[in-house]
Amino acid sequence: MSRHSSGPRPGTWVTLLTVVALGVVSFFAYQASAAKDENPLAGPSGEETTGPSEGGTDDETGAAQDGGQDTGAAHPLPAESGQGRRIVYSVEQQRVWLVEISEDGTGEVVSQTHEVYPSSVDPPAGEYQISSRTPELTGSDGVPVEHILIFHVAADGIVFGFSSALDGSTPDPDGTQRTGGVRQDREDGDAMWLFAEVGTPVVVVSSPAA
């Protein structure tokens, strides 16, 4: 009478283990493929790629985007615009620069530059100083303004200074009323108000002929 084993033969165990192993590999391969399809930032290798970031910079100019502060990368400081801590106003570019002395005292840095909106009369090119600071008043065009920084009064009585309209409006450069206010956005006006004191130099450049 011959004896027979009640369990599977050795070859059968090998086959079963192979089938199970192939099933596990297929399962994980399917999960990896599904995860890649669900991730819109996944690259060809399945690794996540970096998408656009908020508040980034322009690759060509280095200028701040999405409300970032412009420190002059896209708008360099005009040549022959004075020295030391000062405000530089280019009539031609309709832009100002707030210039600080570097921390080591060996050079200058632009802490901020921004666009401004001049009135019908431009100040002559030259060097001036902030002569007065007024928190709020009504401008010569009848618009309530804040953070008024006067730097020049012409012989005919036209007053030149920086300010921000409370309603965000800008002056009419082609208006018939002769005014010298230079408006700026309220956020920029806040920055200049904190920067400028009575006596802070203001250098006006590129003024067109009168």
C-alpha atoms as a PDB file:
ATOM      1  CA  MET A   1       0.000   0.000   0.000  1.00  0.00           C
ATOM      2  CA  SER A   2       1.605   3.317  -1.140  1.00  0.00           C
ATOM      3  CA  ARG A   3       1.777   6.443   1.046  1.00  0.00           C
ATOM      4  CA  HIS A   4       0.551   9.807  -0.368  1.00  0.00           C
ATOM      5  CA  SER A   5       1.097  13.299   1.111  1.00  0.00           C
ATOM      6  CA  SER A   6      -2.117  15.124   2.054  1.00  0.00           C
ATOM      7  CA  GLY A   7      -0.627  18.668   1.357  1.00  0.00           C
ATOM      8  CA  PRO A   8       0.210  20.383  -1.922  1.00  0.00           C
ATOM      9  CA  ARG A   9       3.347  19.363  -3.707  1.00  0.00           C
ATOM     10  CA  PRO A  10       6.439  21.700  -3.468  1.00  0.00           C
ATOM     11  CA  GLY A  11       5.917  22.917  -7.044  1.00  0.00           C
ATOM     12  CA  THR A  12       2.388  23.954  -6.197  1.00  0.00           C
ATOM     13  CA  TRP A  13       3.617  26.205  -3.313  1.00  0.00           C
ATOM     14  CA  VAL A  14       6.045  27.951  -5.667  1.00  0.00           C
ATOM     15  CA  THR A  15       3.276  28.639  -8.146  1.00  0.00           C
ATOM     16  CA  LEU A  16       0.965  30.030  -5.430  1.00  0.00           C
ATOM     17  CA  LEU A  17       3.665  32.344  -4.055  1.00  0.00           C
ATOM     18  CA  THR A  18       4.417  33.652  -7.544  1.00  0.00           C
ATOM     19  CA  VAL A  19       0.766  34.453  -8.196  1.00  0.00           C
ATOM     20  CA  VAL A  20       0.455  36.287  -4.864  1.00  0.00           C
ATOM     21  CA  ALA A  21       3.651  38.299  -5.476  1.00  0.00           C
ATOM     22  CA  LEU A  22       2.508  39.343  -8.945  1.00  0.00           C
ATOM     23  CA  GLY A  23      -0.831  40.441  -7.497  1.00  0.00           C
ATOM     24  CA  VAL A  24       0.854  42.635  -4.853  1.00  0.00           C
ATOM     25  CA  VAL A  25       3.135  44.264  -7.434  1.00  0.00           C
ATOM     26  CA  SER A  26       0.194  44.989  -9.743  1.00  0.00           C
ATOM     27  CA  PHE A  27      -1.792  46.522  -6.871  1.00  0.00           C
ATOM     28  CA  PHE A  28       0.980  48.970  -5.879  1.00  0.00           C
ATOM     29  CA  ALA A  29       1.642  49.844  -9.529  1.00  0.00           C
ATOM     30  CA  TYR A  30      -2.031  50.707  -9.948  1.00  0.00           C
ATOM     31  CA  GLN A  31      -1.991  52.928  -6.804  1.00  0.00           C
ATOM     32  CA  ALA A  32       1.082  54.816  -8.005  1.00  0.00           C
ATOM     33  CA  SER A  33      -0.504  55.425 -11.409  1.00  0.00           C
ATOM     34  CA  ALA A  34      -3.741  56.648  -9.847  1.00  0.00           C
ATOM     35  CA  ALA A  35      -1.889  58.996  -7.485  1.00  0.00           C
ATOM     36  CA  LYS A  36       0.013  60.554 -10.388  1.00  0.00           C
ATOM     37  CA  ASP A  37      -3.223  61.114 -12.339  1.00  0.00           C
ATOM     38  CA  GLU A  38      -4.817  62.853  -9.329  1.00  0.00           C
ATOM     39  CA  ASN A  39      -1.835  65.244  -8.800  1.00  0.00           C
ATOM     40  CA  PRO A  40      -1.882  67.990 -11.461  1.00  0.00           C
ATOM     41  CA  LEU A  41       1.670  69.061 -10.487  1.00  0.00           C
ATOM     42  CA  ALA A  42       3.196  65.619 -11.060  1.00  0.00           C
ATOM     43  CA  GLY A  43       5.884  65.510 -13.727  1.00  0.00           C
ATOM     44  CA  PRO A  44       6.729  62.655 -16.114  1.00  0.00           C
ATOM     45  CA  SER A  45       8.570  60.740 -13.384  1.00  0.00           C
ATOM     46  CA  GLY A  46       5.719  61.103 -10.915  1.00  0.00           C
ATOM     47  CA  GLU A  47       7.614  63.680  -8.863  1.00  0.00           C
ATOM     48  CA  GLU A  48       5.794  66.888  -7.967  1.00  0.00           C
ATOM     49  CA  THR A  49       6.920  69.948  -9.901  1.00  0.00           C
ATOM     50  CA  THR A  50       6.853  73.495  -8.600  1.00  0.00           C
ATOM     51  CA  GLY A  51       4.002  75.642  -9.878  1.00  0.00           C
ATOM     52  CA  PRO A  52       3.743  79.448  -9.909  1.00  0.00           C
ATOM     53  CA  SER A  53       4.092  81.025  -6.475  1.00  0.00           C
ATOM     54  CA  GLU A  54       2.236  84.040  -5.205  1.00  0.00           C
ATOM     55  CA  GLY A  55       4.222  87.256  -4.906  1.00  0.00           C
ATOM     56  CA  GLY A  56       6.970  85.939  -7.179  1.00  0.00           C
ATOM     57  CA  THR A  57       9.253  87.961  -9.422  1.00  0.00           C
ATOM     58  CA  ASP A  58       9.425  88.595 -13.131  1.00  0.00           C
ATOM     59  CA  ASP A  59      12.274  86.466 -14.549  1.00  0.00           C
ATOM     60  CA  GLU A  60      13.350  89.209 -16.956  1.00  0.00           C
ATOM     61  CA  THR A  61      13.228  92.277 -14.741  1.00  0.00           C
ATOM     62  CA  GLY A  62      13.168  91.015 -11.159  1.00  0.00           C
ATOM     63  CA  ALA A  63      10.264  93.368 -10.503  1.00  0.00           C
ATOM     64  CA  ALA A  64       7.858  92.422  -7.765  1.00  0.00           C
ATOM     65  CA  GLN A  65       4.489  91.024  -8.829  1.00  0.00           C
ATOM     66  CA  ASP A  66       1.074  90.524  -7.168  1.00  0.00           C
ATOM     67  CA  GLY A  67       1.370  93.596  -5.044  1.00  0.00           C
ATOM     68  CA  GLY A  68       4.985  93.094  -4.073  1.00  0.00           C
ATOM     69  CA  GLN A  69       7.000  96.179  -3.234  1.00  0.00           C
ATOM     70  CA  ASP A  70       9.060  97.591  -6.096  1.00  0.00           C
ATOM     71  CA  THR A  71      12.573  98.471  -4.930  1.00  0.00           C
ATOM     72  CA  GLY A  72      13.854  99.697  -8.276  1.00  0.00           C
ATOM     73  CA  ALA A  73      14.807  96.536 -10.193  1.00  0.00           C
ATOM     74  CA  ALA A  74      12.531  97.451 -13.103  1.00  0.00           C
ATOM     75  CA  HIS A  75      12.845 101.233 -12.615  1.00  0.00           C
ATOM     76  CA  PRO A  76      16.445 102.235 -11.853  1.00  0.00           C
ATOM     77  CA  LEU A  77      17.203 105.466 -10.045  1.00  0.00           C
ATOM     78  CA  PRO A  78      17.773 108.330 -12.517  1.00  0.00           C
ATOM     79  CA  ALA A  79      21.346 109.457 -13.032  1.00  0.00           C
ATOM     80  CA  GLU A  80      22.504 112.725 -11.473  1.00  0.00           C
ATOM     81  CA  SER A  81      19.687 112.702  -8.941  1.00  0.00           C
ATOM     82  CA  GLY A  82      21.617 113.826  -5.893  1.00  0.00           C
ATOM     83  CA  GLN A  83      23.200 111.959  -3.021  1.00  0.00           C
ATOM     84  CA  GLY A  84      22.266 110.810   0.453  1.00  0.00           C
ATOM     85  CA  ARG A  85      18.894 110.047   1.978  1.00  0.00           C
ATOM     86  CA  ARG A  86      16.303 111.760  -0.236  1.00  0.00           C
ATOM     87  CA  ILE A  87      13.174 111.634  -2.370  1.00  0.00           C
ATOM     88  CA  VAL A  88      13.800 111.659  -6.122  1.00  0.00           C
ATOM     89  CA  TYR A  89      10.933 112.773  -8.382  1.00  0.00           C
ATOM     90  CA  SER A  90      11.184 112.292 -12.158  1.00  0.00           C
ATOM     91  CA  VAL A  91       8.616 114.477 -13.916  1.00  0.00           C
ATOM     92  CA  GLU A  92       9.217 112.687 -17.215  1.00  0.00           C
ATOM     93  CA  GLN A  93       8.677 109.210 -15.754  1.00  0.00           C
ATOM     94  CA  GLN A  94       5.982 110.347 -13.282  1.00  0.00           C
ATOM     95  CA  ARG A  95       7.691 108.286 -10.590  1.00  0.00           C
ATOM     96  CA  VAL A  96       9.396 108.805  -7.242  1.00  0.00           C
ATOM     97  CA  TRP A  97      12.170 106.909  -5.459  1.00  0.00           C
ATOM     98  CA  LEU A  98      12.750 106.782  -1.704  1.00  0.00           C
ATOM     99  CA  VAL A  99      16.515 106.518  -1.277  1.00  0.00           C
ATOM    100  CA  GLU A 100      18.226 105.367   1.911  1.00  0.00           C
ATOM    101  CA  ILE A 101      21.882 105.086   2.925  1.00  0.00           C
ATOM    102  CA  SER A 102      22.999 101.443   3.028  1.00  0.00           C
ATOM    103  CA  GLU A 103      23.459  99.871   6.460  1.00  0.00           C
ATOM    104  CA  ASP A 104      27.247  99.795   6.101  1.00  0.00           C
ATOM    105  CA  GLY A 105      27.247 103.472   5.104  1.00  0.00           C
ATOM    106  CA  THR A 106      29.138 102.867   1.873  1.00  0.00           C
ATOM    107  CA  GLY A 107      26.347 103.327  -0.654  1.00  0.00           C
ATOM    108  CA  GLU A 108      22.668 103.900  -1.317  1.00  0.00           C
ATOM    109  CA  VAL A 109      19.622 101.660  -1.588  1.00  0.00           C
ATOM    110  CA  VAL A 110      16.156 102.344  -2.972  1.00  0.00           C
ATOM    111  CA  SER A 111      13.684 101.331  -0.297  1.00  0.00           C
ATOM    112  CA  GLN A 112      10.722 101.895  -2.629  1.00  0.00           C
ATOM    113  CA  THR A 113       9.747 103.391  -5.974  1.00  0.00           C
ATOM    114  CA  HIS A 114       6.217 103.996  -7.229  1.00  0.00           C
ATOM    115  CA  GLU A 115       4.161 105.856  -9.810  1.00  0.00           C
ATOM    116  CA  VAL A 116       2.698 109.294  -9.070  1.00  0.00           C
ATOM    117  CA  TYR A 117       0.037 111.447 -10.734  1.00  0.00           C
ATOM    118  CA  PRO A 118       0.998 115.108 -11.289  1.00  0.00           C
ATOM    119  CA  SER A 119      -1.339 118.066 -11.681  1.00  0.00           C
ATOM    120  CA  SER A 120      -1.340 120.644 -14.477  1.00  0.00           C
ATOM    121  CA  VAL A 121       1.887 122.407 -13.413  1.00  0.00           C
ATOM    122  CA  ASP A 122       5.234 120.647 -12.895  1.00  0.00           C
ATOM    123  CA  PRO A 123       7.944 121.896 -10.542  1.00  0.00           C
ATOM    124  CA  PRO A 124      11.219 123.092 -12.094  1.00  0.00           C
ATOM    125  CA  ALA A 125      14.112 120.647 -11.911  1.00  0.00           C
ATOM    126  CA  GLY A 126      16.223 121.263  -8.840  1.00  0.00           C
ATOM    127  CA  GLU A 127      16.859 120.384  -5.215  1.00  0.00           C
ATOM    128  CA  TYR A 128      14.279 121.184  -2.565  1.00  0.00           C
ATOM    129  CA  GLN A 129      13.375 120.116   0.950  1.00  0.00           C
ATOM    130  CA  ILE A 130      10.196 119.018   2.671  1.00  0.00           C
ATOM    131  CA  SER A 131       9.062 122.268   4.299  1.00  0.00           C
ATOM    132  CA  SER A 132       5.859 121.101   5.980  1.00  0.00           C
ATOM    133  CA  ARG A 133       3.859 118.005   6.868  1.00  0.00           C
ATOM    134  CA  THR A 134       0.066 118.082   7.189  1.00  0.00           C
ATOM    135  CA  PRO A 135      -1.980 114.977   8.076  1.00  0.00           C
ATOM    136  CA  GLU A 136      -5.165 116.051   6.240  1.00  0.00           C
ATOM    137  CA  LEU A 137      -6.677 119.015   4.382  1.00  0.00           C
ATOM    138  CA  THR A 138      -8.648 119.910   1.256  1.00  0.00           C
ATOM    139  CA  GLY A 139      -6.501 120.196  -1.852  1.00  0.00           C
ATOM    140  CA  SER A 140      -6.478 123.182  -4.187  1.00  0.00           C
ATOM    141  CA  ASP A 141      -8.769 121.196  -6.512  1.00  0.00           C
ATOM    142  CA  GLY A 142     -11.332 120.752  -3.722  1.00  0.00           C
ATOM    143  CA  VAL A 143     -10.526 117.074  -3.049  1.00  0.00           C
ATOM    144  CA  PRO A 144      -9.856 115.956   0.560  1.00  0.00           C
ATOM    145  CA  VAL A 145      -6.277 114.655   0.788  1.00  0.00           C
ATOM    146  CA  GLU A 146      -3.987 113.173   3.424  1.00  0.00           C
ATOM    147  CA  HIS A 147      -0.265 112.982   4.155  1.00  0.00           C
ATOM    148  CA  ILE A 148       0.578 116.279   2.492  1.00  0.00           C
ATOM    149  CA  LEU A 149       4.319 116.887   2.106  1.00  0.00           C
ATOM    150  CA  ILE A 150       5.088 120.362   0.696  1.00  0.00           C
ATOM    151  CA  PHE A 151       8.508 120.861  -0.904  1.00  0.00           C
ATOM    152  CA  HIS A 152       8.247 124.056  -2.991  1.00  0.00           C
ATOM    153  CA  VAL A 153       6.135 127.197  -3.371  1.00  0.00           C
ATOM    154  CA  ALA A 154       6.651 129.055  -6.648  1.00  0.00           C
ATOM    155  CA  ALA A 155       6.824 132.837  -6.954  1.00  0.00           C
ATOM    156  CA  ASP A 156       3.312 132.904  -8.424  1.00  0.00           C
ATOM    157  CA  GLY A 157       1.968 131.042  -5.393  1.00  0.00           C
ATOM    158  CA  ILE A 158       1.609 127.535  -6.883  1.00  0.00           C
ATOM    159  CA  VAL A 159       2.285 124.981  -4.154  1.00  0.00           C
ATOM    160  CA  PHE A 160       4.116 121.756  -5.014  1.00  0.00           C
ATOM    161  CA  GLY A 161       3.824 118.761  -2.749  1.00  0.00           C
ATOM    162  CA  PHE A 162       2.961 115.072  -2.466  1.00  0.00           C
ATOM    163  CA  SER A 163      -0.390 113.850  -1.164  1.00  0.00           C
ATOM    164  CA  SER A 164      -3.013 111.100  -1.461  1.00  0.00           C
ATOM    165  CA  ALA A 165      -6.700 111.650  -2.148  1.00  0.00           C
ATOM    166  CA  LEU A 166      -8.994 110.056   0.425  1.00  0.00           C
ATOM    167  CA  ASP A 167     -11.294 108.874  -2.367  1.00  0.00           C
ATOM    168  CA  GLY A 168      -8.383 107.521  -4.440  1.00  0.00           C
ATOM    169  CA  SER A 169      -8.865 110.046  -7.242  1.00  0.00           C
ATOM    170  CA  THR A 170      -6.050 111.558  -9.288  1.00  0.00           C
ATOM    171  CA  PRO A 171      -5.676 115.149 -10.580  1.00  0.00           C
ATOM    172  CA  ASP A 172      -6.339 116.227 -14.150  1.00  0.00           C
ATOM    173  CA  PRO A 173      -2.953 117.046 -15.727  1.00  0.00           C
ATOM    174  CA  ASP A 174      -4.761 118.779 -18.609  1.00  0.00           C
ATOM    175  CA  GLY A 175      -7.049 120.852 -16.409  1.00  0.00           C
ATOM    176  CA  THR A 176      -7.262 124.609 -16.771  1.00  0.00           C
ATOM    177  CA  GLN A 177      -6.731 125.180 -13.049  1.00  0.00           C
ATOM    178  CA  ARG A 178      -3.045 125.727 -12.296  1.00  0.00           C
ATOM    179  CA  THR A 179      -2.161 123.386  -9.426  1.00  0.00           C
ATOM    180  CA  GLY A 180       1.059 121.650  -8.411  1.00  0.00           C
ATOM    181  CA  GLY A 181      -0.121 118.719  -6.305  1.00  0.00           C
ATOM    182  CA  VAL A 182       1.521 115.355  -6.978  1.00  0.00           C
ATOM    183  CA  ARG A 183      -0.876 112.566  -5.991  1.00  0.00           C
ATOM    184  CA  GLN A 184       0.008 108.990  -5.128  1.00  0.00           C
ATOM    185  CA  ASP A 185      -1.896 105.903  -4.050  1.00  0.00           C
ATOM    186  CA  ARG A 186      -2.763 105.885  -0.364  1.00  0.00           C
ATOM    187  CA  GLU A 187      -0.496 102.924   0.388  1.00  0.00           C
ATOM    188  CA  ASP A 188       2.422 104.675  -1.321  1.00  0.00           C
ATOM    189  CA  GLY A 189       1.506 107.886   0.456  1.00  0.00           C
ATOM    190  CA  ASP A 190       1.729 106.052   3.789  1.00  0.00           C
ATOM    191  CA  ALA A 191       5.245 104.871   2.903  1.00  0.00           C
ATOM    192  CA  MET A 192       6.409 108.368   1.944  1.00  0.00           C
ATOM    193  CA  TRP A 193       4.821 109.886   5.059  1.00  0.00           C
ATOM    194  CA  LEU A 194       6.831 107.508   7.239  1.00  0.00           C
ATOM    195  CA  PHE A 195       9.988 108.149   5.201  1.00  0.00           C
ATOM    196  CA  ALA A 196       9.937 111.950   4.941  1.00  0.00           C
ATOM    197  CA  GLU A 197      10.529 114.507   7.658  1.00  0.00           C
ATOM    198  CA  VAL A 198      10.730 118.281   7.519  1.00  0.00           C
ATOM    199  CA  GLY A 199      14.113 118.912   5.913  1.00  0.00           C
ATOM    200  CA  THR A 200      14.240 115.674   3.891  1.00  0.00           C
ATOM    201  CA  PRO A 201      15.746 116.559   0.474  1.00  0.00           C
ATOM    202  CA  VAL A 202      13.576 116.285  -2.655  1.00  0.00           C
ATOM    203  CA  VAL A 203      15.398 116.159  -5.989  1.00  0.00           C
ATOM    204  CA  VAL A 204      13.268 116.889  -9.083  1.00  0.00           C
ATOM    205  CA  VAL A 205      14.727 115.694 -12.397  1.00  0.00           C
ATOM    206  CA  SER A 206      13.677 115.635 -16.067  1.00  0.00           C
ATOM    207  CA  SER A 207      11.315 118.580 -15.814  1.00  0.00           C
ATOM    208  CA  PRO A 208      10.029 119.655 -19.231  1.00  0.00           C
ATOM    209  CA  ALA A 209      10.409 123.258 -20.374  1.00  0.00           C
ATOM    210  CA  ALA A 210       7.815 125.628 -18.965  1.00  0.00           C
END
